[in-house]
Amino acid sequence: MIIREFGVLQARTALAAPLRQTCLRALSTQPTSTSTGIADVTGSALQSPNAQAQPPSLFSAHVRTATRRKKEARPDPTARNYQIAQEVKRRLGKIGSKVVRTYRPTDVFQKPPGPMDVTLELLMASQAHMGHHASLWNPANARYIYGIRQGIHIISLEETAAHLRRAARVVEEVAYHGGLILFVGTRPGHTQLVTQAARLAKGCHLFTKWTPGAITNSEIILAGMPMQMVDENDEPLEGYERHVIDRRALVPDLVICLNPLENYPLLHECALANVPTIGVIDTNTEPTWATYAIPANDDSLRCLAVISSVLGRAGETGQRRRLGDAKKGIVTWRTPLDVQKFISDQRAYAGAKAADAASRPEAKEDYVSF
């Protein structure tokens, strides 16, 4: 027990010093001094003026005093670099190819294409050939599908071009005969498309949700809507205010729908009222919903912009033809039956009033003298 405690207490000292010095220090009660070879630097030695200078220590021999280098003063090269860049631009500015932007998203609105501008390249660039996934297809669209690529149906652009030209011809003839054309697009982004197409064709547009019954029950839903009577030159006529107030609301002669999948109630009402329709039919849409189907991608705004612009241009051509023939005295449309009846009633009333005034000249003279 004594030996163990002795070893534990003196182990650190025994390991730090030589064995002989350690044994003497442990067994003796007198203090011993050992020479370490290092000069004793005490406070008195530091304070003594005659103290000899000690050699530099190993750790402080290579220590250098930290000094900050001063940066050399250099002139600012900004002005010189600018002059060099301008000189290089002047000499090399006309060398190389000229980059021209071939497509801008607003080109289709600034310069809308017409029916004669429809090409397969234009339809391909507008992504009109992209259909839906093969698992979502409607088998009735098989005659419009060219093939499948990576699980996506590819619409035949030849079918799209042929059906688009046919629809443009229909729009032109309806506008030529004075018909009312309605452009419908209710998805986000369709507002500018339908408004511009309606402006070109001088028709109407709808970019909000369709009100059910606006065609089949127009007497109630559209009662009190403002209307105006015009002649063959689109000039407003006076004297028909009473007829306009009592007349039922107008029904469009042609409806063009850019997204038939969300506007089935509209197409169903048009079918009940015998109103022809034109619809953009994708691979997942029923083609029999529209009277004149245009197989194309209804999810691409660029594709719909091309289609609406072509149909709007066709309507513009029909309106131009109608107004040109009207100036020559050729009227391509007939006056509605209710308007004809109103005109005949007004003529009969005016004739009866004139005959009554002619049969009683004395009453007129008495009235004037009075």
Protein backbone atom coordinates (compact mmCIF):
# COMPACT_ATOMS: atom_id res chain seq x y z
CA MET A 1 0.00 0.00 0.00
CA ILE A 2 2.79 2.44 0.89
CA ILE A 3 4.72 1.55 -2.23
CA ARG A 4 1.66 2.10 -4.44
CA GLU A 5 0.95 5.55 -2.99
CA PHE A 6 4.59 6.46 -3.33
CA GLY A 7 4.58 5.48 -7.01
CA VAL A 8 1.39 7.41 -7.71
CA LEU A 9 2.53 10.58 -5.97
CA GLN A 10 6.03 10.61 -7.46
CA ALA A 11 5.31 9.23 -10.92
CA ARG A 12 5.14 12.61 -12.67
CA THR A 13 8.39 13.78 -11.08
CA ALA A 14 10.13 10.51 -11.79
CA LEU A 15 9.29 10.68 -15.44
CA ALA A 16 10.31 14.34 -15.80
CA ALA A 17 13.86 14.06 -14.35
CA PRO A 18 16.65 11.51 -14.56
CA LEU A 19 16.28 8.46 -12.39
CA ARG A 20 19.21 9.28 -10.06
CA GLN A 21 18.08 12.80 -9.37
CA THR A 22 14.55 11.61 -8.83
CA CYS A 23 15.53 9.00 -6.23
CA LEU A 24 17.65 11.47 -4.30
CA ARG A 25 14.89 14.05 -4.27
CA ALA A 26 12.33 11.52 -3.15
CA LEU A 27 14.46 9.97 -0.31
CA SER A 28 16.18 13.11 0.92
CA THR A 29 14.65 15.94 2.94
CA GLN A 30 17.22 18.54 1.72
CA PRO A 31 16.51 20.54 -1.43
CA THR A 32 18.72 19.74 -4.40
CA SER A 33 19.54 21.87 -7.37
CA THR A 34 19.97 20.69 -10.89
CA SER A 35 21.70 22.44 -13.71
CA THR A 36 19.46 22.87 -16.75
CA GLY A 37 21.95 24.75 -18.92
CA ILE A 38 19.69 27.79 -19.24
CA ALA A 39 20.80 31.12 -17.83
CA ASP A 40 18.85 32.28 -14.83
CA VAL A 41 17.14 35.45 -15.77
CA THR A 42 15.69 37.05 -12.70
CA GLY A 43 14.31 40.44 -11.99
CA SER A 44 17.60 41.61 -10.43
CA ALA A 45 19.51 40.52 -13.47
CA LEU A 46 17.14 42.41 -15.70
CA GLN A 47 17.39 45.49 -13.55
CA SER A 48 21.20 45.38 -13.23
CA PRO A 49 22.92 47.82 -15.55
CA ASN A 50 26.01 45.59 -15.76
CA ALA A 51 24.08 42.57 -16.89
CA GLN A 52 25.52 40.95 -19.96
CA ALA A 53 23.41 40.67 -23.07
CA GLN A 54 21.99 37.17 -23.52
CA PRO A 55 22.09 35.49 -26.90
CA PRO A 56 18.78 35.54 -28.82
CA SER A 57 16.38 32.76 -28.10
CA LEU A 58 15.58 30.04 -30.62
CA PHE A 59 12.00 31.28 -31.01
CA SER A 60 12.81 34.95 -31.31
CA ALA A 61 15.79 34.67 -33.61
CA HIS A 62 13.81 34.64 -36.82
CA VAL A 63 10.97 36.94 -35.81
CA ARG A 64 10.59 39.94 -38.13
CA THR A 65 8.84 43.14 -37.34
CA ALA A 66 5.51 43.47 -39.21
CA THR A 67 5.72 46.30 -41.70
CA ARG A 68 3.05 47.50 -44.18
CA ARG A 69 4.16 47.94 -47.71
CA LYS A 70 3.16 51.13 -49.33
CA LYS A 71 1.32 50.83 -52.62
CA GLU A 72 2.98 52.37 -55.54
CA ALA A 73 1.13 55.29 -57.02
CA ARG A 74 -0.23 54.23 -60.38
CA PRO A 75 -2.29 56.33 -62.79
CA ASP A 76 -5.99 55.43 -63.28
CA PRO A 77 -6.26 53.44 -66.55
CA THR A 78 -10.05 53.90 -66.93
CA ALA A 79 -9.89 56.74 -69.43
CA ARG A 80 -7.18 55.02 -71.45
CA ASN A 81 -9.11 51.74 -71.57
CA TYR A 82 -12.25 53.56 -72.72
CA GLN A 83 -10.34 55.21 -75.54
CA ILE A 84 -8.90 51.87 -76.63
CA ALA A 85 -12.36 50.24 -76.56
CA GLN A 86 -13.84 53.02 -78.67
CA GLU A 87 -11.02 52.71 -81.19
CA VAL A 88 -11.52 48.94 -81.45
CA LYS A 89 -15.26 49.42 -81.86
CA ARG A 90 -14.70 51.95 -84.61
CA ARG A 91 -12.39 49.66 -86.53
CA LEU A 92 -14.14 46.32 -85.99
CA GLY A 93 -17.74 47.44 -85.59
CA LYS A 94 -18.72 46.66 -89.18
CA ILE A 95 -17.03 43.26 -89.29
CA GLY A 96 -19.05 40.05 -88.80
CA SER A 97 -22.65 38.96 -89.28
CA LYS A 98 -25.68 41.02 -88.38
CA VAL A 99 -28.03 39.42 -85.85
CA VAL A 100 -31.69 39.98 -86.68
CA ARG A 101 -34.61 38.92 -84.50
CA THR A 102 -36.91 36.83 -86.68
CA TYR A 103 -39.73 36.46 -84.16
CA ARG A 104 -41.34 38.75 -81.64
CA PRO A 105 -44.38 37.75 -79.58
CA THR A 106 -46.19 40.94 -80.61
CA ASP A 107 -45.65 40.47 -84.35
CA VAL A 108 -48.83 38.44 -84.67
CA PHE A 109 -50.79 41.40 -83.26
CA GLN A 110 -48.98 44.15 -85.13
CA LYS A 111 -49.09 42.29 -88.46
CA PRO A 112 -51.80 39.60 -88.19
CA PRO A 113 -51.44 36.87 -90.84
CA GLY A 114 -54.27 36.31 -93.29
CA PRO A 115 -55.66 33.16 -94.93
CA MET A 116 -53.09 33.45 -97.73
CA ASP A 117 -50.27 33.44 -95.18
CA VAL A 118 -51.13 30.03 -93.73
CA THR A 119 -48.19 27.68 -94.32
CA LEU A 120 -46.98 24.50 -92.70
CA GLU A 121 -43.88 26.33 -91.48
CA LEU A 122 -46.02 28.95 -89.72
CA LEU A 123 -48.16 26.27 -88.07
CA MET A 124 -45.09 24.28 -87.05
CA ALA A 125 -43.44 27.35 -85.51
CA SER A 126 -46.62 28.12 -83.58
CA GLN A 127 -46.69 24.58 -82.08
CA ALA A 128 -50.03 23.73 -83.68
CA HIS A 129 -48.99 20.09 -84.11
CA MET A 130 -48.56 19.30 -80.42
CA GLY A 131 -51.42 17.23 -79.02
CA HIS A 132 -52.07 15.66 -75.64
CA HIS A 133 -50.80 12.42 -74.16
CA ALA A 134 -51.87 9.30 -75.99
CA SER A 135 -53.83 8.11 -72.95
CA LEU A 136 -56.08 11.21 -73.09
CA TRP A 137 -57.05 11.10 -76.74
CA ASN A 138 -60.53 11.01 -78.19
CA PRO A 139 -60.86 8.21 -80.79
CA ALA A 140 -63.01 10.49 -82.96
CA ASN A 141 -59.87 12.56 -83.69
CA ALA A 142 -58.01 9.66 -85.28
CA ARG A 143 -58.36 11.18 -88.77
CA TYR A 144 -56.53 14.31 -87.58
CA ILE A 145 -53.57 12.54 -85.89
CA TYR A 146 -50.33 12.04 -87.80
CA GLY A 147 -48.58 9.80 -85.27
CA ILE A 148 -47.18 9.42 -81.76
CA ARG A 149 -43.80 10.63 -80.52
CA GLN A 150 -42.65 9.98 -76.96
CA GLY A 151 -46.20 9.27 -75.90
CA ILE A 152 -47.59 12.54 -77.35
CA HIS A 153 -50.01 12.65 -80.26
CA ILE A 154 -48.83 14.68 -83.25
CA ILE A 155 -51.54 16.49 -85.20
CA SER A 156 -51.27 16.48 -88.97
CA LEU A 157 -50.48 20.03 -90.06
CA GLU A 158 -51.93 19.37 -93.51
CA GLU A 159 -55.31 18.71 -91.90
CA THR A 160 -54.90 21.83 -89.75
CA ALA A 161 -54.10 24.05 -92.74
CA ALA A 162 -57.00 22.69 -94.81
CA HIS A 163 -59.56 23.09 -92.03
CA LEU A 164 -58.25 26.56 -91.14
CA ARG A 165 -58.64 27.75 -94.73
CA ARG A 166 -62.16 26.33 -94.85
CA ALA A 167 -63.09 28.11 -91.60
CA ALA A 168 -61.59 31.36 -92.91
CA ARG A 169 -63.77 31.08 -96.02
CA VAL A 170 -66.86 30.60 -93.84
CA VAL A 171 -66.00 33.67 -91.73
CA GLU A 172 -65.44 35.78 -94.85
CA GLU A 173 -68.82 34.86 -96.37
CA VAL A 174 -70.69 35.42 -93.11
CA ALA A 175 -69.11 38.88 -92.80
CA TYR A 176 -69.83 39.60 -96.45
CA HIS A 177 -73.54 38.90 -95.97
CA GLY A 178 -73.76 41.17 -92.92
CA GLY A 179 -73.74 38.45 -90.25
CA LEU A 180 -72.83 38.96 -86.61
CA ILE A 181 -69.67 37.04 -85.56
CA LEU A 182 -68.87 36.25 -81.93
CA PHE A 183 -65.31 35.36 -80.82
CA VAL A 184 -65.09 33.45 -77.52
CA GLY A 185 -61.99 32.67 -75.46
CA THR A 186 -62.24 32.25 -71.69
CA ARG A 187 -58.77 31.05 -70.70
CA PRO A 188 -56.07 33.33 -69.28
CA GLY A 189 -54.33 35.02 -72.19
CA HIS A 190 -57.28 34.86 -74.60
CA THR A 191 -58.42 38.43 -73.93
CA GLN A 192 -56.10 40.10 -76.41
CA LEU A 193 -56.69 37.37 -79.00
CA VAL A 194 -60.48 37.62 -79.13
CA THR A 195 -60.58 41.41 -78.85
CA GLN A 196 -58.24 41.93 -81.78
CA ALA A 197 -60.04 39.33 -83.93
CA ALA A 198 -63.40 40.96 -83.17
CA ARG A 199 -61.97 44.39 -84.00
CA LEU A 200 -60.75 43.17 -87.38
CA ALA A 201 -64.00 41.39 -88.27
CA LYS A 202 -66.23 44.11 -86.75
CA GLY A 203 -67.83 41.50 -84.53
CA CYS A 204 -68.28 40.82 -80.83
CA HIS A 205 -66.02 39.13 -78.29
CA LEU A 206 -66.37 37.31 -74.98
CA PHE A 207 -63.47 36.52 -72.63
CA THR A 208 -65.43 35.81 -69.42
CA LYS A 209 -67.58 32.88 -68.42
CA TRP A 210 -70.51 32.22 -70.72
CA THR A 211 -73.90 32.94 -69.17
CA PRO A 212 -76.09 29.84 -69.74
CA GLY A 213 -79.25 30.69 -71.64
CA ALA A 214 -77.87 33.80 -73.36
CA ILE A 215 -78.97 32.35 -76.73
CA THR A 216 -81.89 30.07 -75.93
CA ASN A 217 -83.38 32.47 -73.35
CA SER A 218 -82.09 35.79 -74.67
CA GLU A 219 -85.43 37.57 -74.15
CA ILE A 220 -84.95 37.40 -70.39
CA ILE A 221 -81.18 37.36 -69.89
CA LEU A 222 -80.25 40.00 -72.48
CA ALA A 223 -83.31 42.19 -72.07
CA GLY A 224 -82.51 45.89 -72.19
CA MET A 225 -79.19 45.50 -74.00
CA PRO A 226 -78.38 48.54 -76.19
CA MET A 227 -78.80 48.09 -79.94
CA GLN A 228 -78.60 50.32 -82.99
CA MET A 229 -80.08 50.20 -86.48
CA VAL A 230 -77.67 50.82 -89.37
CA ASP A 231 -77.99 50.88 -93.14
CA GLU A 232 -75.99 49.03 -95.78
CA ASN A 233 -73.11 51.49 -95.29
CA ASP A 234 -73.07 50.95 -91.52
CA GLU A 235 -74.50 54.42 -90.95
CA PRO A 236 -76.93 54.75 -88.01
CA LEU A 237 -80.61 55.22 -88.88
CA GLU A 238 -83.06 57.40 -87.05
CA GLY A 239 -86.71 56.66 -86.34
CA TYR A 240 -86.22 53.07 -85.17
CA GLU A 241 -85.92 53.78 -81.45
CA ARG A 242 -89.31 52.25 -80.68
CA HIS A 243 -88.51 49.11 -82.64
CA VAL A 244 -85.11 48.75 -80.98
CA ILE A 245 -86.68 48.92 -77.52
CA ASP A 246 -89.33 46.29 -78.30
CA ARG A 247 -87.07 44.02 -80.33
CA ARG A 248 -85.62 40.82 -78.90
CA ALA A 249 -81.87 40.58 -78.34
CA LEU A 250 -79.63 39.68 -81.25
CA VAL A 251 -78.36 36.14 -81.73
CA PRO A 252 -74.93 35.70 -83.36
CA ASP A 253 -74.82 34.27 -86.86
CA LEU A 254 -71.45 32.57 -86.24
CA VAL A 255 -69.60 31.66 -83.04
CA ILE A 256 -65.82 31.06 -82.99
CA CYS A 257 -64.62 29.30 -79.82
CA LEU A 258 -60.92 28.97 -78.99
CA ASN A 259 -61.42 26.53 -76.08
CA PRO A 260 -64.47 24.31 -76.69
CA LEU A 261 -63.62 22.03 -73.78
CA GLU A 262 -64.59 24.70 -71.22
CA ASN A 263 -67.49 26.14 -73.26
CA TYR A 264 -69.66 23.13 -73.94
CA PRO A 265 -72.86 24.92 -72.72
CA LEU A 266 -72.24 27.62 -75.34
CA LEU A 267 -71.79 25.10 -78.14
CA HIS A 268 -74.86 23.17 -77.01
CA GLU A 269 -77.02 26.30 -77.08
CA CYS A 270 -75.70 27.15 -80.54
CA ALA A 271 -76.68 23.69 -81.74
CA LEU A 272 -80.18 24.12 -80.32
CA ALA A 273 -80.56 27.52 -82.02
CA ASN A 274 -79.02 26.33 -85.33
CA VAL A 275 -76.08 28.73 -85.00
CA PRO A 276 -72.96 27.45 -86.80
CA THR A 277 -69.78 27.25 -84.74
CA ILE A 278 -66.03 27.06 -85.37
CA GLY A 279 -63.88 25.43 -82.69
CA VAL A 280 -60.20 24.62 -82.12
CA ILE A 281 -60.27 20.88 -81.51
CA ASP A 282 -57.37 19.25 -79.66
CA THR A 283 -56.79 15.51 -79.45
CA ASN A 284 -58.75 15.24 -76.18
CA THR A 285 -61.84 17.16 -77.40
CA GLU A 286 -64.98 15.87 -79.10
CA PRO A 287 -64.87 17.13 -82.71
CA THR A 288 -68.65 16.93 -83.19
CA TRP A 289 -69.23 19.78 -80.74
CA ALA A 290 -68.29 22.33 -83.41
CA THR A 291 -69.78 22.67 -86.88
CA TYR A 292 -66.39 23.48 -88.42
CA ALA A 293 -63.52 21.90 -86.50
CA ILE A 294 -59.92 23.13 -86.68
CA PRO A 295 -57.56 20.41 -85.36
CA ALA A 296 -54.79 22.23 -83.52
CA ASN A 297 -53.15 22.72 -80.14
CA ASP A 298 -55.59 24.66 -77.95
CA ASP A 299 -53.03 25.05 -75.11
CA SER A 300 -50.53 27.16 -77.07
CA LEU A 301 -51.25 30.89 -77.06
CA ARG A 302 -49.05 31.36 -80.08
CA CYS A 303 -51.08 28.80 -82.04
CA LEU A 304 -54.37 30.40 -80.99
CA ALA A 305 -52.99 33.83 -81.88
CA VAL A 306 -52.29 32.63 -85.43
CA ILE A 307 -55.73 31.02 -85.80
CA SER A 308 -57.63 34.01 -84.39
CA SER A 309 -55.63 36.41 -86.55
CA VAL A 310 -56.34 34.42 -89.70
CA LEU A 311 -60.08 34.30 -88.94
CA GLY A 312 -60.11 37.98 -88.03
CA ARG A 313 -58.39 38.87 -91.29
CA ALA A 314 -60.95 36.78 -93.16
CA GLY A 315 -63.77 38.70 -91.48
CA GLU A 316 -62.05 41.97 -92.34
CA THR A 317 -61.89 40.92 -96.00
CA GLY A 318 -65.60 40.08 -96.00
CA GLN A 319 -66.53 43.41 -94.44
CA ARG A 320 -64.41 45.27 -96.98
CA ARG A 321 -66.12 43.44 -99.85
CA ARG A 322 -69.58 44.17 -98.42
CA LEU A 323 -68.93 47.89 -98.00
CA GLY A 324 -67.39 48.08 -101.48
CA ASP A 325 -70.50 46.52 -103.07
CA ALA A 326 -72.78 48.75 -100.97
CA LYS A 327 -71.20 51.83 -102.49
CA LYS A 328 -72.06 50.40 -105.90
CA GLY A 329 -75.67 49.81 -104.86
CA ILE A 330 -75.33 46.06 -104.33
CA VAL A 331 -76.78 44.85 -101.02
CA THR A 332 -75.80 41.30 -100.11
CA TRP A 333 -78.10 40.85 -97.12
CA ARG A 334 -81.82 40.98 -96.55
CA THR A 335 -83.67 43.11 -94.07
CA PRO A 336 -84.96 41.01 -91.15
CA LEU A 337 -88.65 40.14 -91.19
CA ASP A 338 -89.44 41.99 -87.97
CA VAL A 339 -87.79 45.12 -89.34
CA GLN A 340 -89.73 44.78 -92.58
CA LYS A 341 -92.97 44.49 -90.63
CA PHE A 342 -92.08 47.56 -88.56
CA ILE A 343 -91.31 49.55 -91.72
CA SER A 344 -94.59 48.50 -93.36
CA ASP A 345 -96.53 49.41 -90.22
CA GLN A 346 -94.87 52.81 -90.08
CA ARG A 347 -95.66 53.44 -93.73
CA ALA A 348 -99.28 52.41 -93.26
CA TYR A 349 -99.60 54.62 -90.21
CA ALA A 350 -98.05 57.59 -92.02
CA GLY A 351 -100.33 57.03 -95.07
CA ALA A 352 -103.45 56.85 -92.92
CA LYS A 353 -102.47 59.98 -91.08
CA ALA A 354 -101.86 61.84 -94.35
CA ALA A 355 -105.20 60.65 -95.77
CA ASP A 356 -107.01 61.73 -92.62
CA ALA A 357 -105.41 65.16 -92.80
CA ALA A 358 -106.31 65.49 -96.51
CA SER A 359 -109.95 64.48 -95.93
CA ARG A 360 -110.53 67.23 -93.37
CA PRO A 361 -108.97 70.42 -94.75
CA GLU A 362 -111.53 72.60 -92.96
CA ALA A 363 -110.44 71.22 -89.62
CA LYS A 364 -106.88 72.11 -90.44
CA GLU A 365 -107.87 75.66 -91.49
CA ASP A 366 -109.92 76.13 -88.33
CA TYR A 367 -107.02 74.96 -86.27
CA VAL A 368 -104.68 77.36 -88.01
CA SER A 369 -107.00 80.35 -87.67
CA PHE A 370 -107.63 79.58 -84.07
